[in-house]
Amino acid sequence: MSAERVERIREYLEAALAPQQLEVIDESHLHAGHASAGGKGHFRVRVVSGRFSGLGLLQRHRLVYDALSELMEQDIHALAIEARTPEESNRSKESSS
């Protein structure tokens, strides 16, 4: 089920944001026994998309949540988001080299 959820998250984000880079990480195992999750998963997404250009952090997160709204109801309990523009991603790579 977990791999299916990851793939569905990927499909929804690709359709909505046309990302240059996308990483979907299932972190549910870190929250084993978390009763309030109700069988839903904990995920982290790292998205690099031109759709984020000119938007603040909250607006970027809203785009991600809007793209995943259907899955938030049935598959996702918690979502950590890293949302960058291609320019921000390139700067981050340059500063780490």
C-alpha atoms as a PDB file:
ATOM      1  CA  MET A   1       0.000   0.000   0.000  1.00  0.00           C
ATOM      2  CA  SER A   2       2.833   2.388   0.822  1.00  0.00           C
ATOM      3  CA  ALA A   3       4.443   2.204  -2.625  1.00  0.00           C
ATOM      4  CA  GLU A   4       1.022   2.795  -4.182  1.00  0.00           C
ATOM      5  CA  ARG A   5       0.518   5.907  -2.040  1.00  0.00           C
ATOM      6  CA  VAL A   6       3.925   7.260  -2.978  1.00  0.00           C
ATOM      7  CA  GLU A   7       3.147   6.721  -6.672  1.00  0.00           C
ATOM      8  CA  ARG A   8      -0.254   8.420  -6.366  1.00  0.00           C
ATOM      9  CA  ILE A   9       1.295  11.421  -4.609  1.00  0.00           C
ATOM     10  CA  ARG A  10       3.896  11.610  -7.379  1.00  0.00           C
ATOM     11  CA  GLU A  11       1.229  11.459 -10.102  1.00  0.00           C
ATOM     12  CA  TYR A  12      -0.895  14.199  -8.537  1.00  0.00           C
ATOM     13  CA  LEU A  13       2.076  16.531  -8.018  1.00  0.00           C
ATOM     14  CA  GLU A  14       3.433  15.923 -11.520  1.00  0.00           C
ATOM     15  CA  ALA A  15       0.039  16.728 -13.047  1.00  0.00           C
ATOM     16  CA  ALA A  16      -0.454  19.906 -11.016  1.00  0.00           C
ATOM     17  CA  LEU A  17       3.057  21.347 -10.774  1.00  0.00           C
ATOM     18  CA  ALA A  18       5.095  19.943 -13.687  1.00  0.00           C
ATOM     19  CA  PRO A  19       8.127  19.716 -11.402  1.00  0.00           C
ATOM     20  CA  GLN A  20      11.701  19.700 -12.641  1.00  0.00           C
ATOM     21  CA  GLN A  21      12.568  17.605  -9.591  1.00  0.00           C
ATOM     22  CA  LEU A  22      10.311  15.597  -7.314  1.00  0.00           C
ATOM     23  CA  GLU A  23      11.085  13.365  -4.385  1.00  0.00           C
ATOM     24  CA  VAL A  24       8.375  11.634  -2.360  1.00  0.00           C
ATOM     25  CA  ILE A  25       9.514   9.956   0.844  1.00  0.00           C
ATOM     26  CA  ASP A  26       7.323   7.707   2.962  1.00  0.00           C
ATOM     27  CA  GLU A  27       8.160   8.418   6.609  1.00  0.00           C
ATOM     28  CA  SER A  28       5.290   6.383   8.046  1.00  0.00           C
ATOM     29  CA  HIS A  29       7.678   3.903   9.652  1.00  0.00           C
ATOM     30  CA  LEU A  30       8.960   6.737  11.860  1.00  0.00           C
ATOM     31  CA  HIS A  31       5.470   7.126  13.311  1.00  0.00           C
ATOM     32  CA  ALA A  32       4.522   3.491  13.890  1.00  0.00           C
ATOM     33  CA  GLY A  33       1.777   3.194  16.482  1.00  0.00           C
ATOM     34  CA  HIS A  34       0.584   6.770  15.959  1.00  0.00           C
ATOM     35  CA  ALA A  35      -3.071   6.064  16.743  1.00  0.00           C
ATOM     36  CA  SER A  36      -4.504   9.312  15.366  1.00  0.00           C
ATOM     37  CA  ALA A  37      -3.152   8.547  11.870  1.00  0.00           C
ATOM     38  CA  GLY A  38      -6.046   6.150  11.274  1.00  0.00           C
ATOM     39  CA  GLY A  39      -4.119   4.074   8.748  1.00  0.00           C
ATOM     40  CA  LYS A  40      -2.993   7.100   6.752  1.00  0.00           C
ATOM     41  CA  GLY A  41       0.673   7.794   6.063  1.00  0.00           C
ATOM     42  CA  HIS A  42       3.316  10.381   6.902  1.00  0.00           C
ATOM     43  CA  PHE A  43       5.151  11.745   3.860  1.00  0.00           C
ATOM     44  CA  ARG A  44       7.822  14.270   2.912  1.00  0.00           C
ATOM     45  CA  VAL A  45       7.867  15.853  -0.533  1.00  0.00           C
ATOM     46  CA  ARG A  46      10.693  17.830  -2.095  1.00  0.00           C
ATOM     47  CA  VAL A  47       9.441  19.703  -5.129  1.00  0.00           C
ATOM     48  CA  VAL A  48      11.283  21.984  -7.533  1.00  0.00           C
ATOM     49  CA  SER A  49       8.865  23.731  -9.881  1.00  0.00           C
ATOM     50  CA  GLY A  50       8.689  26.908 -11.920  1.00  0.00           C
ATOM     51  CA  ARG A  51       5.100  27.233 -10.661  1.00  0.00           C
ATOM     52  CA  PHE A  52       6.571  28.445  -7.355  1.00  0.00           C
ATOM     53  CA  SER A  53       8.311  31.465  -8.916  1.00  0.00           C
ATOM     54  CA  GLY A  54       7.155  34.698  -7.336  1.00  0.00           C
ATOM     55  CA  LEU A  55       5.233  32.894  -4.589  1.00  0.00           C
ATOM     56  CA  GLY A  56       5.863  32.954  -0.866  1.00  0.00           C
ATOM     57  CA  LEU A  57       6.239  29.848   1.250  1.00  0.00           C
ATOM     58  CA  LEU A  58       2.579  29.717   2.282  1.00  0.00           C
ATOM     59  CA  GLN A  59       1.377  30.073  -1.316  1.00  0.00           C
ATOM     60  CA  ARG A  60       3.709  27.294  -2.429  1.00  0.00           C
ATOM     61  CA  HIS A  61       2.457  24.988   0.299  1.00  0.00           C
ATOM     62  CA  ARG A  62      -1.125  25.784  -0.683  1.00  0.00           C
ATOM     63  CA  LEU A  63      -0.389  24.707  -4.254  1.00  0.00           C
ATOM     64  CA  VAL A  64       0.969  21.398  -2.982  1.00  0.00           C
ATOM     65  CA  TYR A  65      -1.971  20.861  -0.621  1.00  0.00           C
ATOM     66  CA  ASP A  66      -4.435  21.789  -3.372  1.00  0.00           C
ATOM     67  CA  ALA A  67      -2.807  19.246  -5.697  1.00  0.00           C
ATOM     68  CA  LEU A  68      -3.091  16.544  -3.022  1.00  0.00           C
ATOM     69  CA  SER A  69      -6.452  17.524  -1.501  1.00  0.00           C
ATOM     70  CA  GLU A  70      -8.176  14.282  -2.506  1.00  0.00           C
ATOM     71  CA  LEU A  71      -5.349  12.197  -1.048  1.00  0.00           C
ATOM     72  CA  MET A  72      -5.293  14.227   2.170  1.00  0.00           C
ATOM     73  CA  GLU A  73      -8.713  12.831   2.993  1.00  0.00           C
ATOM     74  CA  GLN A  74      -7.883   9.161   2.529  1.00  0.00           C
ATOM     75  CA  ASP A  75      -4.137   8.510   2.304  1.00  0.00           C
ATOM     76  CA  ILE A  76      -2.110  11.288   3.952  1.00  0.00           C
ATOM     77  CA  HIS A  77      -2.097  12.004   7.671  1.00  0.00           C
ATOM     78  CA  ALA A  78       0.967  14.269   7.738  1.00  0.00           C
ATOM     79  CA  LEU A  79       2.912  16.025   5.004  1.00  0.00           C
ATOM     80  CA  ALA A  80       6.262  17.806   5.209  1.00  0.00           C
ATOM     81  CA  ILE A  81       6.900  20.066   2.230  1.00  0.00           C
ATOM     82  CA  GLU A  82      10.083  21.496   0.728  1.00  0.00           C
ATOM     83  CA  ALA A  83       9.040  23.672  -2.212  1.00  0.00           C
ATOM     84  CA  ARG A  84      11.688  25.501  -4.260  1.00  0.00           C
ATOM     85  CA  THR A  85      11.947  27.264  -7.576  1.00  0.00           C
ATOM     86  CA  PRO A  86      14.533  25.987 -10.068  1.00  0.00           C
ATOM     87  CA  GLU A  87      16.668  29.065  -9.298  1.00  0.00           C
ATOM     88  CA  GLU A  88      16.590  28.365  -5.561  1.00  0.00           C
ATOM     89  CA  SER A  89      17.486  24.755  -6.162  1.00  0.00           C
ATOM     90  CA  ASN A  90      20.446  25.735  -8.344  1.00  0.00           C
ATOM     91  CA  ARG A  91      21.709  28.220  -5.741  1.00  0.00           C
ATOM     92  CA  SER A  92      21.443  25.541  -3.064  1.00  0.00           C
ATOM     93  CA  LYS A  93      23.494  23.118  -5.202  1.00  0.00           C
ATOM     94  CA  GLU A  94      26.124  25.771  -5.917  1.00  0.00           C
ATOM     95  CA  SER A  95      26.564  26.719  -2.261  1.00  0.00           C
ATOM     96  CA  SER A  96      26.998  23.075  -1.231  1.00  0.00           C
ATOM     97  CA  SER A  97      29.772  22.426  -3.761  1.00  0.00           C
END
